[in-house]
Amino acid sequence: MKRSSILTLPLAALFLTILWASCSKNHSVDNPNNTNTTTSLVTQASWKYDTSGIDLNKDGTVDVGGDSLIAACEKDDIYTFKSDSTGTIDEGAVKCNASDPQTIPFKWSINSTQTVLTASAPPLLNGNINIFSLTAAKFILYKDTTVSGISVRYLVSLKHP
């Protein structure tokens, strides 16, 4: 009798552990079964400038820094995207022009393939901008352009404030 009760306890613990693990929810954005859409990730929280620069090999990593191309007064701006395709830019503590309003409205959309953001939020988010990657914590956008006959990819990375 003792022998079966000794075996029953570890088996019961193992069963409860497996049951608990199978019932727990995974809220990770990296989970491929997660139903987060691009729009829900963009609108879940506000975004601000993180880094920018040239991506020589187009792998999503800045190879040549471009932080100097972004004015200091732009780096503290907060971009809030709303689910109704409107948004606001909060100018932050450092304004480029003291007479500018603290908040500026803008419009935005994402194409049907969820690969291009179109926004009217100059200068950082203006026009059609390709989405390189988007997670709950980081939003990386890019534009391919030609400078002096050389094709370059310029990345802008946003994060939550």
C-alpha atoms as a PDB file:
ATOM      1  CA  MET A   1       0.000   0.000   0.000  1.00  0.00           C
ATOM      2  CA  LYS A   2       2.792   2.427   0.824  1.00  0.00           C
ATOM      3  CA  ARG A   3       4.386   1.773  -2.542  1.00  0.00           C
ATOM      4  CA  SER A   4       1.353   2.853  -4.592  1.00  0.00           C
ATOM      5  CA  SER A   5       0.832   6.031  -2.549  1.00  0.00           C
ATOM      6  CA  ILE A   6       4.504   6.949  -2.998  1.00  0.00           C
ATOM      7  CA  LEU A   7       4.126   6.635  -6.790  1.00  0.00           C
ATOM      8  CA  THR A   8       0.783   8.428  -6.828  1.00  0.00           C
ATOM      9  CA  LEU A   9       2.142  11.657  -5.323  1.00  0.00           C
ATOM     10  CA  PRO A  10       4.851  12.281  -7.981  1.00  0.00           C
ATOM     11  CA  LEU A  11       2.461  11.295 -10.786  1.00  0.00           C
ATOM     12  CA  ALA A  12      -0.196  13.651  -9.453  1.00  0.00           C
ATOM     13  CA  ALA A  13       2.365  16.474  -9.188  1.00  0.00           C
ATOM     14  CA  LEU A  14       3.551  15.804 -12.743  1.00  0.00           C
ATOM     15  CA  PHE A  15      -0.027  15.786 -14.032  1.00  0.00           C
ATOM     16  CA  LEU A  16      -0.851  19.088 -12.281  1.00  0.00           C
ATOM     17  CA  THR A  17       2.347  20.675 -13.623  1.00  0.00           C
ATOM     18  CA  ILE A  18       1.509  19.632 -17.197  1.00  0.00           C
ATOM     19  CA  LEU A  19      -2.087  20.792 -16.778  1.00  0.00           C
ATOM     20  CA  TRP A  20      -0.991  24.185 -15.392  1.00  0.00           C
ATOM     21  CA  ALA A  21       1.565  24.715 -18.184  1.00  0.00           C
ATOM     22  CA  SER A  22      -0.926  23.851 -20.914  1.00  0.00           C
ATOM     23  CA  CYS A  23      -3.536  26.235 -19.523  1.00  0.00           C
ATOM     24  CA  SER A  24      -1.301  29.247 -18.934  1.00  0.00           C
ATOM     25  CA  LYS A  25      -1.579  31.968 -21.534  1.00  0.00           C
ATOM     26  CA  ASN A  26       1.399  33.240 -23.483  1.00  0.00           C
ATOM     27  CA  HIS A  27       1.068  36.964 -24.078  1.00  0.00           C
ATOM     28  CA  SER A  28       4.327  37.252 -25.988  1.00  0.00           C
ATOM     29  CA  VAL A  29       4.192  39.208 -29.241  1.00  0.00           C
ATOM     30  CA  ASP A  30       6.812  36.876 -30.661  1.00  0.00           C
ATOM     31  CA  ASN A  31       4.387  33.961 -30.349  1.00  0.00           C
ATOM     32  CA  PRO A  32       3.328  33.154 -33.933  1.00  0.00           C
ATOM     33  CA  ASN A  33      -0.161  32.192 -32.731  1.00  0.00           C
ATOM     34  CA  ASN A  34      -0.692  35.622 -31.172  1.00  0.00           C
ATOM     35  CA  THR A  35      -3.438  37.559 -32.929  1.00  0.00           C
ATOM     36  CA  ASN A  36      -1.917  41.029 -32.462  1.00  0.00           C
ATOM     37  CA  THR A  37      -2.228  42.976 -35.682  1.00  0.00           C
ATOM     38  CA  THR A  38       0.030  45.725 -36.893  1.00  0.00           C
ATOM     39  CA  THR A  39      -2.632  48.286 -36.044  1.00  0.00           C
ATOM     40  CA  SER A  40      -3.079  47.003 -32.494  1.00  0.00           C
ATOM     41  CA  LEU A  41       0.684  47.066 -31.905  1.00  0.00           C
ATOM     42  CA  VAL A  42       1.010  50.587 -33.308  1.00  0.00           C
ATOM     43  CA  THR A  43      -1.895  51.903 -31.231  1.00  0.00           C
ATOM     44  CA  GLN A  44      -1.209  50.085 -27.941  1.00  0.00           C
ATOM     45  CA  ALA A  45       1.049  52.859 -26.578  1.00  0.00           C
ATOM     46  CA  SER A  46       2.790  56.048 -27.656  1.00  0.00           C
ATOM     47  CA  TRP A  47       6.140  56.018 -29.479  1.00  0.00           C
ATOM     48  CA  LYS A  48       9.210  58.252 -29.478  1.00  0.00           C
ATOM     49  CA  TYR A  49      12.475  58.442 -31.378  1.00  0.00           C
ATOM     50  CA  ASP A  50      15.130  55.894 -30.411  1.00  0.00           C
ATOM     51  CA  THR A  51      17.832  55.773 -33.096  1.00  0.00           C
ATOM     52  CA  SER A  52      18.313  56.309 -36.812  1.00  0.00           C
ATOM     53  CA  GLY A  53      20.926  55.855 -39.477  1.00  0.00           C
ATOM     54  CA  ILE A  54      21.974  54.163 -42.677  1.00  0.00           C
ATOM     55  CA  ASP A  55      21.558  50.403 -43.019  1.00  0.00           C
ATOM     56  CA  LEU A  56      24.199  49.432 -45.598  1.00  0.00           C
ATOM     57  CA  ASN A  57      23.316  45.746 -45.876  1.00  0.00           C
ATOM     58  CA  LYS A  58      19.552  46.188 -45.303  1.00  0.00           C
ATOM     59  CA  ASP A  59      19.425  43.874 -42.284  1.00  0.00           C
ATOM     60  CA  GLY A  60      17.543  46.290 -40.003  1.00  0.00           C
ATOM     61  CA  THR A  61      20.612  47.416 -38.056  1.00  0.00           C
ATOM     62  CA  VAL A  62      22.091  50.904 -38.267  1.00  0.00           C
ATOM     63  CA  ASP A  63      25.594  50.659 -39.764  1.00  0.00           C
ATOM     64  CA  VAL A  64      26.297  54.392 -40.049  1.00  0.00           C
ATOM     65  CA  GLY A  65      24.745  56.564 -37.364  1.00  0.00           C
ATOM     66  CA  GLY A  66      22.309  59.218 -38.417  1.00  0.00           C
ATOM     67  CA  ASP A  67      21.304  60.674 -35.082  1.00  0.00           C
ATOM     68  CA  SER A  68      22.855  63.967 -36.161  1.00  0.00           C
ATOM     69  CA  LEU A  69      20.336  64.185 -39.015  1.00  0.00           C
ATOM     70  CA  ILE A  70      17.477  64.359 -36.505  1.00  0.00           C
ATOM     71  CA  ALA A  71      17.155  67.687 -34.721  1.00  0.00           C
ATOM     72  CA  ALA A  72      17.323  67.553 -30.923  1.00  0.00           C
ATOM     73  CA  CYS A  73      13.877  69.150 -30.765  1.00  0.00           C
ATOM     74  CA  GLU A  74      12.455  66.173 -32.727  1.00  0.00           C
ATOM     75  CA  LYS A  75      14.022  63.471 -30.546  1.00  0.00           C
ATOM     76  CA  ASP A  76      11.714  64.072 -27.579  1.00  0.00           C
ATOM     77  CA  ASP A  77       8.471  64.162 -29.602  1.00  0.00           C
ATOM     78  CA  ILE A  78       5.836  61.616 -28.594  1.00  0.00           C
ATOM     79  CA  TYR A  79       3.747  60.030 -31.378  1.00  0.00           C
ATOM     80  CA  THR A  80       0.360  58.645 -30.374  1.00  0.00           C
ATOM     81  CA  PHE A  81      -1.473  56.596 -32.997  1.00  0.00           C
ATOM     82  CA  LYS A  82      -5.212  56.122 -32.456  1.00  0.00           C
ATOM     83  CA  SER A  83      -7.246  53.271 -33.910  1.00  0.00           C
ATOM     84  CA  ASP A  84      -9.414  55.704 -35.906  1.00  0.00           C
ATOM     85  CA  SER A  85      -6.394  56.553 -38.157  1.00  0.00           C
ATOM     86  CA  THR A  86      -5.703  59.840 -36.407  1.00  0.00           C
ATOM     87  CA  GLY A  87      -2.891  60.681 -34.072  1.00  0.00           C
ATOM     88  CA  THR A  88      -1.080  63.413 -32.208  1.00  0.00           C
ATOM     89  CA  ILE A  89       2.500  64.536 -31.891  1.00  0.00           C
ATOM     90  CA  ASP A  90       3.371  65.949 -28.494  1.00  0.00           C
ATOM     91  CA  GLU A  91       6.288  68.340 -28.970  1.00  0.00           C
ATOM     92  CA  GLY A  92       7.918  67.277 -25.703  1.00  0.00           C
ATOM     93  CA  ALA A  93      10.011  69.553 -23.517  1.00  0.00           C
ATOM     94  CA  VAL A  94      12.175  70.855 -26.378  1.00  0.00           C
ATOM     95  CA  LYS A  95      10.253  72.595 -29.152  1.00  0.00           C
ATOM     96  CA  CYS A  96      11.800  73.473 -32.494  1.00  0.00           C
ATOM     97  CA  ASN A  97       9.774  76.674 -32.563  1.00  0.00           C
ATOM     98  CA  ALA A  98       8.547  78.138 -29.278  1.00  0.00           C
ATOM     99  CA  SER A  99       5.328  79.373 -30.928  1.00  0.00           C
ATOM    100  CA  ASP A 100       4.340  75.885 -32.165  1.00  0.00           C
ATOM    101  CA  PRO A 101       1.415  74.257 -30.374  1.00  0.00           C
ATOM    102  CA  GLN A 102       2.295  71.572 -27.825  1.00  0.00           C
ATOM    103  CA  THR A 103       0.296  68.927 -29.709  1.00  0.00           C
ATOM    104  CA  ILE A 104      -0.172  68.564 -33.457  1.00  0.00           C
ATOM    105  CA  PRO A 105      -2.763  66.258 -35.040  1.00  0.00           C
ATOM    106  CA  PHE A 106      -1.911  63.910 -37.909  1.00  0.00           C
ATOM    107  CA  LYS A 107      -3.517  61.191 -40.018  1.00  0.00           C
ATOM    108  CA  TRP A 108      -2.067  57.743 -40.652  1.00  0.00           C
ATOM    109  CA  SER A 109      -2.843  54.396 -42.279  1.00  0.00           C
ATOM    110  CA  ILE A 110      -1.266  51.027 -42.965  1.00  0.00           C
ATOM    111  CA  ASN A 111      -1.565  49.348 -46.361  1.00  0.00           C
ATOM    112  CA  SER A 112      -3.426  46.065 -46.855  1.00  0.00           C
ATOM    113  CA  THR A 113      -0.235  43.975 -46.695  1.00  0.00           C
ATOM    114  CA  GLN A 114       0.686  45.723 -43.427  1.00  0.00           C
ATOM    115  CA  THR A 115       4.130  46.657 -44.747  1.00  0.00           C
ATOM    116  CA  VAL A 116       3.814  50.407 -45.342  1.00  0.00           C
ATOM    117  CA  LEU A 117       2.846  53.158 -42.926  1.00  0.00           C
ATOM    118  CA  THR A 118       1.513  56.326 -44.533  1.00  0.00           C
ATOM    119  CA  ALA A 119       1.522  59.292 -42.178  1.00  0.00           C
ATOM    120  CA  SER A 120       1.268  63.059 -42.229  1.00  0.00           C
ATOM    121  CA  ALA A 121       3.482  63.608 -39.192  1.00  0.00           C
ATOM    122  CA  PRO A 122       6.461  65.581 -40.490  1.00  0.00           C
ATOM    123  CA  PRO A 123       9.325  65.529 -40.451  1.00  0.00           C
ATOM    124  CA  LEU A 124      10.045  62.108 -38.947  1.00  0.00           C
ATOM    125  CA  LEU A 125       6.934  60.233 -40.097  1.00  0.00           C
ATOM    126  CA  ASN A 126       5.860  61.832 -43.335  1.00  0.00           C
ATOM    127  CA  GLY A 127       4.671  60.091 -46.479  1.00  0.00           C
ATOM    128  CA  ASN A 128       5.010  56.381 -47.224  1.00  0.00           C
ATOM    129  CA  ILE A 129       7.432  54.622 -44.888  1.00  0.00           C
ATOM    130  CA  ASN A 130       8.202  50.895 -45.025  1.00  0.00           C
ATOM    131  CA  ILE A 131       7.785  48.828 -41.867  1.00  0.00           C
ATOM    132  CA  PHE A 132      10.911  46.738 -41.234  1.00  0.00           C
ATOM    133  CA  SER A 133       9.701  45.248 -37.958  1.00  0.00           C
ATOM    134  CA  LEU A 134       7.198  45.891 -35.213  1.00  0.00           C
ATOM    135  CA  THR A 135       7.046  44.347 -31.754  1.00  0.00           C
ATOM    136  CA  ALA A 136       5.375  45.406 -28.545  1.00  0.00           C
ATOM    137  CA  ALA A 137       8.539  47.348 -27.636  1.00  0.00           C
ATOM    138  CA  LYS A 138      10.136  48.516 -30.901  1.00  0.00           C
ATOM    139  CA  PHE A 139       8.940  49.960 -34.220  1.00  0.00           C
ATOM    140  CA  ILE A 140      11.560  50.047 -37.008  1.00  0.00           C
ATOM    141  CA  LEU A 141      10.738  51.910 -40.211  1.00  0.00           C
ATOM    142  CA  TYR A 142      12.786  52.633 -43.321  1.00  0.00           C
ATOM    143  CA  LYS A 143      12.955  54.513 -46.586  1.00  0.00           C
ATOM    144  CA  ASP A 144      15.125  53.504 -49.506  1.00  0.00           C
ATOM    145  CA  THR A 145      16.553  56.501 -51.310  1.00  0.00           C
ATOM    146  CA  THR A 146      19.365  57.498 -53.617  1.00  0.00           C
ATOM    147  CA  VAL A 147      22.064  59.890 -52.464  1.00  0.00           C
ATOM    148  CA  SER A 148      24.625  61.028 -55.056  1.00  0.00           C
ATOM    149  CA  GLY A 149      23.740  58.033 -57.216  1.00  0.00           C
ATOM    150  CA  ILE A 150      24.118  55.533 -54.358  1.00  0.00           C
ATOM    151  CA  SER A 151      21.111  53.562 -53.095  1.00  0.00           C
ATOM    152  CA  VAL A 152      20.829  53.694 -49.298  1.00  0.00           C
ATOM    153  CA  ARG A 153      18.333  52.533 -46.707  1.00  0.00           C
ATOM    154  CA  TYR A 154      17.627  54.967 -43.885  1.00  0.00           C
ATOM    155  CA  LEU A 155      16.227  53.410 -40.694  1.00  0.00           C
ATOM    156  CA  VAL A 156      14.292  55.098 -37.918  1.00  0.00           C
ATOM    157  CA  SER A 157      13.689  53.151 -34.735  1.00  0.00           C
ATOM    158  CA  LEU A 158      10.943  54.135 -32.301  1.00  0.00           C
ATOM    159  CA  LYS A 159      10.362  52.912 -28.761  1.00  0.00           C
ATOM    160  CA  HIS A 160       7.880  53.556 -25.974  1.00  0.00           C
ATOM    161  CA  PRO A 161       8.648  56.596 -23.809  1.00  0.00           C
END
